[in-house]
Structure formats: structure tokens, C-alpha cells
Protein backbone atom coordinates (compact mmCIF):
# COMPACT_ATOMS: atom_id res chain seq x y z
CA MET A 1 73.26 -15.16 22.61
CA VAL A 2 70.14 -17.07 21.69
CA ARG A 3 68.08 -18.14 24.70
CA VAL A 4 66.01 -21.27 25.15
CA ASN A 5 62.48 -21.39 26.49
CA GLU A 6 63.50 -22.42 29.99
CA ASN A 7 60.01 -23.70 30.74
CA TYR A 8 60.95 -26.78 28.72
CA LEU A 9 63.72 -27.47 31.22
CA ARG A 10 61.07 -27.83 33.92
CA LEU A 11 59.51 -30.86 32.22
CA PRO A 12 60.17 -34.34 33.64
CA GLY A 13 63.09 -36.21 32.06
CA SER A 14 61.14 -37.67 29.14
CA TYR A 15 57.64 -38.03 27.81
CA LEU A 16 55.97 -41.06 29.44
CA PHE A 17 55.67 -43.14 26.29
CA ALA A 18 59.22 -42.32 25.22
CA GLU A 19 60.45 -43.82 28.49
CA ILE A 20 58.32 -46.91 27.94
CA GLY A 21 59.80 -47.23 24.45
CA ARG A 22 63.31 -46.95 25.83
CA ARG A 23 62.76 -49.72 28.39
CA VAL A 24 61.10 -52.02 25.88
CA ALA A 25 63.91 -51.47 23.36
CA LYS A 26 66.50 -52.37 26.00
CA PHE A 27 64.55 -55.52 26.96
CA LYS A 28 64.25 -56.50 23.29
CA GLU A 29 67.98 -56.03 22.83
CA ASP A 30 68.66 -58.31 25.81
CA HIS A 31 65.96 -60.83 24.82
CA PRO A 32 65.82 -60.80 20.99
CA ASN A 33 63.55 -63.87 20.82
CA ALA A 34 60.92 -62.56 23.24
CA ASN A 35 57.40 -62.30 21.83
CA ILE A 36 56.29 -58.99 23.32
CA ILE A 37 52.59 -58.13 23.46
CA ARG A 38 51.99 -54.38 23.63
CA LEU A 39 48.95 -53.23 25.59
CA GLY A 40 50.46 -49.90 26.57
CA ILE A 41 50.11 -46.98 24.16
CA GLY A 42 46.51 -46.47 23.08
CA ASP A 43 47.08 -47.05 19.36
CA VAL A 44 44.48 -48.97 17.38
CA THR A 45 45.09 -52.18 15.42
CA ARG A 46 41.93 -52.69 13.36
CA PRO A 47 42.14 -51.44 9.76
CA LEU A 48 40.07 -48.52 8.53
CA ALA A 49 36.45 -49.34 7.70
CA GLN A 50 35.72 -50.19 4.08
CA SER A 51 33.44 -47.17 3.63
CA VAL A 52 36.29 -44.96 4.81
CA ILE A 53 38.78 -46.64 2.45
CA LYS A 54 36.35 -46.24 -0.44
CA SER A 55 35.97 -42.54 0.29
CA LEU A 56 39.74 -42.14 0.56
CA HIS A 57 40.22 -43.65 -2.89
CA GLU A 58 37.51 -41.46 -4.37
CA ALA A 59 39.08 -38.35 -2.86
CA VAL A 60 42.51 -39.31 -4.20
CA ASP A 61 40.98 -39.66 -7.67
CA GLU A 62 39.45 -36.19 -7.29
CA MET A 63 42.89 -34.79 -6.57
CA ALA A 64 44.13 -36.28 -9.84
CA ASP A 65 41.52 -34.44 -11.90
CA GLU A 66 41.93 -30.75 -12.73
CA LYS A 67 38.16 -30.24 -12.40
CA THR A 68 37.98 -31.57 -8.85
CA PHE A 69 41.48 -30.86 -7.52
CA LYS A 70 41.62 -29.11 -4.13
CA GLY A 71 44.45 -26.93 -2.85
CA TYR A 72 44.32 -25.05 0.42
CA GLY A 73 41.04 -25.63 2.20
CA PRO A 74 39.42 -23.68 5.03
CA GLU A 75 41.51 -23.88 8.19
CA GLN A 76 38.36 -24.55 10.21
CA GLY A 77 37.39 -27.55 8.07
CA TYR A 78 35.17 -28.21 5.05
CA ASP A 79 31.49 -27.58 5.63
CA PHE A 80 30.53 -31.07 4.38
CA LEU A 81 32.26 -32.60 7.43
CA ILE A 82 31.22 -29.90 9.88
CA LYS A 83 27.56 -30.42 8.94
CA LYS A 84 27.89 -34.18 9.50
CA VAL A 85 29.44 -33.62 12.94
CA ILE A 86 26.53 -31.42 14.00
CA GLU A 87 23.85 -33.66 12.48
CA TYR A 88 25.11 -37.01 13.79
CA ASP A 89 27.09 -36.26 16.95
CA TYR A 90 25.11 -33.45 18.55
CA LYS A 91 21.55 -33.10 17.24
CA PRO A 92 20.56 -36.58 18.51
CA LEU A 93 21.58 -35.36 21.98
CA GLY A 94 19.37 -32.28 21.66
CA ILE A 95 22.40 -29.98 21.23
CA ASP A 96 22.25 -27.15 18.68
CA LEU A 97 25.50 -25.82 17.25
CA ASP A 98 26.38 -23.28 14.58
CA GLU A 99 28.82 -24.35 11.87
CA ASP A 100 31.36 -21.75 12.95
CA GLU A 101 31.46 -23.37 16.41
CA VAL A 102 33.04 -26.56 14.98
CA PHE A 103 36.76 -26.65 14.16
CA ILE A 104 38.17 -29.65 12.28
CA SER A 105 41.76 -30.51 13.24
CA ASP A 106 44.44 -33.18 12.96
CA GLY A 107 44.01 -34.56 16.47
CA SER A 108 42.58 -33.91 19.91
CA LYS A 109 46.09 -34.29 21.35
CA CYS A 110 47.09 -31.28 19.25
CA ASP A 111 44.00 -29.30 20.20
CA THR A 112 44.16 -29.99 23.94
CA GLY A 113 47.82 -29.02 23.85
CA ASN A 114 47.34 -25.90 21.72
CA ILE A 115 44.16 -24.53 23.30
CA GLN A 116 46.09 -23.14 26.28
CA GLU A 117 47.69 -20.56 23.94
CA ILE A 118 44.54 -18.43 23.94
CA PHE A 119 44.48 -18.17 27.76
CA GLY A 120 46.40 -15.79 30.01
CA ILE A 121 49.65 -17.03 31.49
CA ASP A 122 48.52 -16.25 35.06
CA ASN A 123 45.49 -18.53 34.97
CA ILE A 124 45.40 -21.31 37.55
CA ILE A 125 44.77 -24.73 36.02
CA ALA A 126 43.17 -27.74 37.67
CA VAL A 127 43.60 -31.32 36.47
CA THR A 128 42.18 -34.60 37.62
CA ASP A 129 44.99 -36.81 38.91
CA PRO A 130 45.88 -39.17 37.23
CA VAL A 131 45.64 -37.27 33.97
CA TYR A 132 46.60 -37.44 30.29
CA PRO A 133 50.15 -35.95 30.37
CA VAL A 134 49.61 -33.50 27.50
CA TYR A 135 47.32 -31.29 29.60
CA VAL A 136 49.99 -30.59 32.19
CA ASP A 137 53.06 -30.68 29.92
CA SER A 138 51.67 -28.11 27.47
CA ASN A 139 51.02 -25.71 30.35
CA VAL A 140 54.53 -26.32 31.67
CA MET A 141 55.92 -25.39 28.25
CA ALA A 142 53.89 -22.19 28.32
CA GLY A 143 55.15 -21.23 31.79
CA ARG A 144 51.80 -21.60 33.52
CA ALA A 145 52.51 -24.63 35.73
CA GLY A 146 55.33 -23.48 37.98
CA VAL A 147 58.05 -25.75 39.35
CA LEU A 148 58.03 -29.53 39.82
CA ASP A 149 58.30 -30.48 43.50
CA GLU A 150 59.64 -33.63 45.15
CA ASN A 151 56.17 -35.21 45.08
CA GLY A 152 55.92 -34.99 41.29
CA LYS A 153 53.53 -32.03 41.32
CA PHE A 154 53.90 -28.60 39.72
CA ASP A 155 53.40 -25.93 42.35
CA ARG A 156 50.96 -23.79 40.32
CA VAL A 157 48.75 -26.69 39.24
CA VAL A 158 45.77 -27.79 41.33
CA TYR A 159 45.62 -31.59 41.39
CA LEU A 160 42.29 -33.31 41.99
CA PRO A 161 43.00 -36.87 43.19
CA CYS A 162 40.96 -39.69 41.64
CA ASN A 163 41.45 -43.08 43.22
CA ALA A 164 39.64 -46.17 44.48
CA GLU A 165 38.91 -44.44 47.79
CA ASN A 166 36.76 -41.72 46.16
CA ASN A 167 35.49 -43.99 43.36
CA PHE A 168 37.55 -41.90 40.92
CA ILE A 169 35.19 -38.94 41.29
CA PRO A 170 37.17 -35.68 41.67
CA GLU A 171 36.13 -33.19 44.32
CA LEU A 172 35.59 -29.56 43.39
CA PRO A 173 38.73 -27.51 44.12
CA LYS A 174 38.85 -25.79 47.48
CA GLU A 175 40.55 -22.77 45.93
CA ARG A 176 39.39 -20.87 42.86
CA VAL A 177 40.75 -22.13 39.53
CA ASP A 178 40.43 -20.74 36.01
CA MET A 179 41.04 -23.61 33.57
CA ILE A 180 39.66 -27.07 34.39
CA TYR A 181 40.72 -30.15 32.42
CA LEU A 182 38.21 -32.99 32.45
CA CYS A 183 38.40 -36.18 30.35
CA TYR A 184 35.41 -38.56 30.30
CA PRO A 185 35.31 -41.43 29.65
CA ASN A 186 38.60 -41.01 31.41
CA ASN A 187 42.05 -41.71 30.11
CA PRO A 188 43.73 -43.46 31.90
CA THR A 189 41.22 -44.86 34.43
CA GLY A 190 38.39 -45.73 32.03
CA MET A 191 35.85 -44.33 34.50
CA THR A 192 32.94 -41.95 33.80
CA LEU A 193 31.00 -39.16 35.51
CA SER A 194 27.23 -39.06 35.86
CA LYS A 195 25.24 -36.06 34.66
CA ASP A 196 24.77 -34.96 38.27
CA GLU A 197 28.52 -35.03 38.91
CA LEU A 198 29.23 -33.20 35.66
CA LYS A 199 26.65 -30.57 36.52
CA LYS A 200 28.62 -29.71 39.67
CA TRP A 201 31.56 -28.75 37.46
CA VAL A 202 29.46 -26.72 35.07
CA ASP A 203 27.87 -24.88 38.01
CA TYR A 204 31.31 -24.25 39.52
CA ALA A 205 32.64 -22.87 36.23
CA ARG A 206 29.65 -20.56 35.80
CA GLU A 207 29.92 -19.25 39.36
CA ASN A 208 33.67 -18.65 39.11
CA LYS A 209 33.90 -17.51 35.47
CA SER A 210 36.14 -20.50 34.75
CA VAL A 211 36.42 -22.58 31.58
CA ILE A 212 36.16 -26.38 31.34
CA LEU A 213 38.38 -28.06 28.76
CA TYR A 214 36.44 -31.27 28.19
CA ASP A 215 38.18 -34.13 26.38
CA GLY A 216 35.49 -36.46 25.04
CA ALA A 217 37.73 -38.50 22.74
CA TYR A 218 36.30 -41.81 24.00
CA GLU A 219 32.59 -40.97 24.13
CA ALA A 220 31.76 -43.50 21.38
CA TYR A 221 32.83 -46.29 23.74
CA ILE A 222 30.12 -45.54 26.30
CA GLN A 223 27.96 -48.65 26.73
CA GLU A 224 25.78 -47.86 29.73
CA GLU A 225 22.58 -45.82 29.69
CA GLY A 226 22.56 -42.46 31.44
CA VAL A 227 26.24 -41.65 30.95
CA PRO A 228 26.61 -38.23 29.25
CA HIS A 229 28.16 -38.33 25.76
CA SER A 230 28.79 -34.58 25.69
CA ILE A 231 29.25 -31.93 28.34
CA TYR A 232 26.71 -29.86 26.43
CA GLU A 233 23.99 -32.19 27.68
CA ILE A 234 24.39 -30.25 30.93
CA GLU A 235 22.44 -27.01 31.24
CA GLY A 236 24.72 -23.99 31.02
CA ALA A 237 27.73 -25.86 29.64
CA LYS A 238 27.71 -23.88 26.39
CA GLU A 239 28.64 -20.84 28.47
CA VAL A 240 31.76 -22.37 30.01
CA ALA A 241 32.96 -25.50 28.17
CA ILE A 242 35.13 -26.35 25.18
CA GLU A 243 34.77 -29.94 23.96
CA PHE A 244 37.34 -32.04 22.09
CA ARG A 245 36.46 -35.10 20.01
CA SER A 246 38.53 -37.40 17.80
CA PHE A 247 38.21 -39.89 14.96
CA SER A 248 41.41 -41.60 16.12
CA LYS A 249 39.96 -44.22 18.46
CA THR A 250 36.38 -44.00 17.20
CA ALA A 251 37.21 -44.76 13.56
CA GLY A 252 40.85 -45.85 13.61
CA PHE A 253 42.31 -42.53 12.39
CA THR A 254 45.44 -42.64 14.57
CA GLY A 255 47.55 -42.85 11.41
CA THR A 256 45.43 -40.58 9.21
CA ARG A 257 44.70 -37.84 11.77
CA CYS A 258 41.36 -36.11 12.09
CA ALA A 259 39.49 -34.64 15.04
CA TYR A 260 37.42 -31.63 15.96
CA THR A 261 36.92 -29.07 18.70
CA ILE A 262 33.61 -27.50 19.66
CA LEU A 263 33.89 -23.93 20.89
CA PRO A 264 30.51 -22.20 21.35
CA LYS A 265 30.52 -18.46 20.74
CA THR A 266 29.00 -18.04 24.21
CA VAL A 267 32.18 -19.21 25.98
CA LYS A 268 34.01 -16.17 27.29
CA ALA A 269 37.26 -15.27 29.01
CA TYR A 270 38.13 -11.85 30.34
CA THR A 271 40.71 -9.11 29.92
CA GLU A 272 42.59 -7.71 32.89
CA SER A 273 39.98 -4.98 33.13
CA GLY A 274 37.16 -7.54 33.17
CA GLU A 275 35.97 -7.14 29.59
CA PRO A 276 34.51 -10.40 28.19
CA VAL A 277 36.10 -11.82 25.04
CA SER A 278 34.70 -14.62 22.86
CA LEU A 279 37.14 -17.53 22.90
CA ASN A 280 35.66 -18.73 19.61
CA LYS A 281 37.15 -15.71 17.87
CA LEU A 282 40.54 -16.22 19.50
CA TRP A 283 40.69 -19.91 18.60
CA ASN A 284 39.68 -19.09 15.04
CA ARG A 285 42.49 -16.51 14.90
CA ARG A 286 44.98 -18.99 16.31
CA GLN A 287 44.01 -21.71 13.84
CA THR A 288 44.02 -19.48 10.79
CA THR A 289 47.49 -18.23 11.78
CA LYS A 290 49.19 -21.47 12.78
CA PHE A 291 47.25 -24.25 11.03
CA ASN A 292 46.60 -24.91 7.36
CA GLY A 293 43.75 -27.33 7.93
CA VAL A 294 43.26 -31.08 7.57
CA SER A 295 43.68 -32.37 4.03
CA TYR A 296 40.61 -32.70 1.80
CA ILE A 297 41.31 -36.42 1.35
CA ILE A 298 41.25 -37.10 5.09
CA GLN A 299 38.14 -35.00 5.69
CA LYS A 300 36.30 -36.89 2.94
CA ALA A 301 37.30 -40.12 4.65
CA ALA A 302 36.05 -38.82 8.00
CA ALA A 303 32.73 -37.85 6.44
CA ALA A 304 32.26 -41.47 5.35
CA VAL A 305 32.08 -42.41 9.02
CA TYR A 306 28.63 -40.78 9.08
CA THR A 307 27.15 -42.80 6.20
CA GLU A 308 24.75 -45.61 7.07
CA GLU A 309 27.38 -48.22 6.20
CA GLY A 310 30.09 -46.25 7.98
CA GLN A 311 28.08 -46.08 11.20
CA LYS A 312 27.54 -49.84 11.11
CA GLU A 313 31.22 -50.55 10.47
CA ILE A 314 32.43 -48.19 13.18
CA LYS A 315 30.09 -49.76 15.71
CA GLU A 316 31.54 -53.19 14.85
CA ILE A 317 35.07 -51.89 15.41
CA ILE A 318 34.14 -50.35 18.77
CA ASN A 319 32.39 -53.58 19.83
CA TYR A 320 35.55 -55.50 18.89
CA TYR A 321 37.68 -53.37 21.21
CA MET A 322 35.12 -53.41 24.00
CA THR A 323 35.04 -57.23 23.82
CA ASN A 324 38.81 -57.09 24.29
CA ALA A 325 38.24 -54.83 27.29
CA LYS A 326 35.85 -57.37 28.80
CA ILE A 327 38.38 -60.18 28.26
CA ILE A 328 41.09 -58.18 30.02
CA ARG A 329 38.85 -56.95 32.82
CA GLU A 330 37.36 -60.36 33.65
CA GLY A 331 40.69 -62.14 33.25
CA LEU A 332 42.43 -59.85 35.73
CA MET A 333 39.56 -60.04 38.20
CA SER A 334 39.66 -63.85 38.02
CA ILE A 335 43.14 -63.86 39.60
CA GLY A 336 42.13 -61.49 42.35
CA LEU A 337 43.35 -58.14 41.01
CA GLN A 338 41.39 -54.97 41.76
CA VAL A 339 40.23 -53.65 38.39
CA PHE A 340 38.47 -50.48 37.20
CA GLY A 341 37.32 -49.17 33.82
CA GLY A 342 36.84 -51.33 30.75
CA VAL A 343 33.04 -50.90 30.80
CA ASN A 344 32.53 -47.53 29.07
CA ALA A 345 36.07 -47.08 27.79
CA PRO A 346 38.82 -49.12 26.12
CA TYR A 347 41.13 -48.69 29.12
CA ILE A 348 41.54 -51.01 32.09
CA TRP A 349 43.00 -49.50 35.25
CA LEU A 350 44.24 -51.97 37.84
CA LYS A 351 45.66 -51.72 41.33
CA THR A 352 49.15 -53.15 41.39
CA PRO A 353 49.40 -56.22 43.66
CA ASN A 354 51.15 -56.18 47.04
CA ASN A 355 51.53 -52.37 47.07
CA MET A 356 54.04 -52.63 44.24
CA SER A 357 55.12 -49.38 42.57
CA SER A 358 53.86 -48.71 39.05
CA TRP A 359 57.29 -48.97 37.38
CA THR A 360 58.19 -52.10 39.38
CA PHE A 361 55.01 -53.74 38.10
CA PHE A 362 55.87 -52.56 34.57
CA ASP A 363 59.23 -54.32 34.76
CA LYS A 364 57.67 -57.41 36.34
CA LEU A 365 55.04 -57.70 33.60
CA LEU A 366 57.65 -57.20 30.88
CA ASN A 367 60.18 -59.64 32.33
CA GLU A 368 57.88 -62.42 33.51
CA VAL A 369 55.23 -62.52 30.75
CA ASN A 370 56.61 -60.17 28.05
CA ILE A 371 53.65 -57.77 28.17
CA VAL A 372 53.90 -53.98 27.93
CA GLY A 373 51.45 -51.76 29.77
CA THR A 374 51.59 -48.22 31.12
CA PRO A 375 52.70 -47.34 34.68
CA GLY A 376 49.98 -45.37 36.41
CA VAL A 377 52.41 -42.92 38.00
CA GLY A 378 53.24 -41.69 34.50
CA PHE A 379 49.79 -40.05 34.52
CA GLY A 380 50.37 -38.19 37.78
CA PRO A 381 51.15 -38.70 41.48
CA SER A 382 47.76 -40.30 42.23
CA GLY A 383 48.50 -42.92 39.58
CA GLU A 384 51.24 -44.45 41.72
CA GLY A 385 50.31 -48.01 42.58
CA TYR A 386 48.07 -48.34 39.52
CA PHE A 387 48.64 -49.62 35.99
CA ARG A 388 46.87 -49.16 32.63
CA LEU A 389 46.21 -51.76 29.95
CA THR A 390 44.48 -50.96 26.65
CA ALA A 391 41.94 -52.95 24.68
CA PHE A 392 43.32 -51.86 21.30
CA GLY A 393 45.31 -55.02 20.60
CA SER A 394 44.19 -57.81 18.32
CA ARG A 395 41.79 -60.40 19.74
CA GLN A 396 44.45 -63.08 19.53
CA SER A 397 47.10 -61.03 21.35
CA THR A 398 44.58 -59.92 23.98
CA ILE A 399 43.57 -63.50 24.78
CA GLU A 400 47.18 -64.62 24.83
CA ALA A 401 48.20 -61.75 27.10
CA ILE A 402 45.57 -62.66 29.68
CA GLU A 403 46.52 -66.33 29.54
CA ARG A 404 50.16 -65.39 30.12
CA ILE A 405 49.20 -63.25 33.10
CA LYS A 406 47.03 -66.02 34.57
CA THR A 407 49.67 -68.71 34.21
CA GLY A 408 53.01 -66.92 34.28
CA LEU A 409 52.77 -63.84 36.48
CA LYS A 410 54.06 -64.46 40.00
CA LEU A 411 51.71 -62.58 42.33
């Protein structure tokens, strides 16, 4: 008989956002006239920049001409985009990269989920808690996470609590770990780490021959001086860190799909006998086997982000969302809620009032003011008692949502 991958049976009942969708659909069925404002899933609402649209059209025209038609492209990405990534995203930070250390993909969600395939099944993973669910779930699927206990934790995962009490700064693990997931600016809390704090992790990884999986999808939203935009700003990070970036939130590519992963050739893992192996080669092998590359049309559009006009337009889009974040943050604080994030990231993380559970607050917000957010516990045990709102709505809906909360939410 055919057997299932029983690791999938160890996953929680449903993916977080699927459960949110189910509850909202039921509410909509019961209240068909309700005007629901969605500030939950981190999807963007602003249209693609005009320079990006122009490049899309030009690329489509190229595909209609026999002389310029493109079929299969390189799985690692076209060099015209890879060169732009290096020139604009890393050289200004004083970071040198080779072209074969950049891998263009269709999303950082895909990459952070797939990267675990090149690591041994016995590796111990550490995650900040709360955490983006894909990091844990993909390791559960692989059989690396163990069994879910009554506290909502997998018994082979090391959880690093991040909460108001420790200012959302994770402590180094007390036991040795092999794979460390860090996301900064953080999803879901919106908080950041200083260079000194990040250096502690790089030093730990170097001392323990560990690897840091660094999700920098929101680095373009950093507003404050001194906050690192890349882990490679830290000395020694190119020995131990893989970095993930995305055009999804930076340039509105959630529906067009383009991202990239940086994997320096100096990052190593080890065989059972202790022989070092370049992870760059393994990731390249994985991608060329399982991935046919991002379409030429989309990569041309992504390259337009790096033009002078594209940079200006993208900055305007980011400023739009960060103004939304300020509106949400200040509005919630004005009614006495404890609020975090929203300064260097498009996420606002709030403490639920009166020690309310995350899902209870979700239902309260939906029923009393018809607003959808994300329960903090969906991001991990330490997220219980917290709640996430996103700044990716329209200006009008953001303002209206805060007014509803101020006037209609019974605290």
C-alpha cells in the first residue's frame, strides 16, 4: 500500500491564515452586509510602480518577437538582475558578492521553506518565538521538528522567547543548535536587532559551526539610522549566514513573485565525518533540479526597480505604507494599548487588553468593529496575548479601521 509522509500529520490542524480565512468566511456568511477591513495577511494593496509596468510591457513585447523571444532561462536567474542586486542592495553597504552567490527565485517564503532540504535531518533548529510559521512547518514536514506537545511546541525545536519583558531580543540558546532562523525587521513583531545584538549570533554560529538563516524581506522598511540592513554588515557573517530578500513587500510583487537568496560560497556545513561542504553548491544543485527559474518577464520587471525612476517610486510606496503604520501605531497608543513595531517595519504588534487570549481578541475585533487582524499565538507560544496588524491596507481603510477601534471597540 502507498504510505503518506506521516510528518505532515504532525502539523497543527490548519495553516494560520487558512484558519483566519475560515473564520472570516463564516462571519461574512452570518453578516452579509458587514464592511470588513482586512489588516491581517501581509498582502500589499498599492499597484506596481509605473517603471515596473513599463518594463513588464516591454518584456511581453520581446516575447512576441522571434528575435528576442526567451524560453528556459538560467535557474539561478538572469545576470542582468543579479548584477543589479549586487550593485544596489549590497555594494552601498560595503558588501562584496560574486554573481554565483545570488539566486533569483519566486519568493522568500519558498526559499525559507525549501532551504532546509540541503541540511541533515538530525540538525537541531532554533527559532525566535513568535516566528513566521513557514520556518517551523517546513521542518515539521521534513521530520526534523519532532512532536507537538501540549504547550504548542515541537519537542526537537529550540524556542527563543521574544516578548515585552525582554524587549523582543532573543537570548542565545543554552544548548547547542545547528540551524538558526532569524527575521529582522521581524515578522510578526516589527522589531529590529542592533548590530551588536546581531554580532552575538554571528559569533555564536562561528563558534558552534552553525548556520544562520536570515530573513531580511522587510529591510527596505528600516527608517532609523544604525539598524543593519543585511547580516553581512557583521564581520564573519559570510562564513555562517544565508540571507533571503524579496520584491514582494518592497516593490509590490506579491502577485508577480520575485525574490532572491544570497548564499556565499564560504558558508559550510559538514558531513558525518566532519568534512566541510559548500552549501552554495548544494543549493545550486537543488535549484537546478527542482526549479525552472523565474520568468524573463518578471525578472525584467524586477530589474526596473533599480532604475533611478524605479527607486524613487518604490520609496514612495514604502513611505505610504509606513505612514499607515504610524497611523495605526499612534491610534492604538492613544486608547491606552501597549504597542510595538511599526517604526522600522510595516507590522504593528500589540498586547491584547485585559489579558485576553489572541483568538478571543480576534473574534472581538471582527464582531465589534469588523476588522481582521492576526492572532499572535498563530506565530508561536510566546505570541499568546499579542496581536498583529499590518500597514498594507489603503490609506482610507487604515484611517477608518483606527476610527472604528477608537469609537467602537469595548475595552
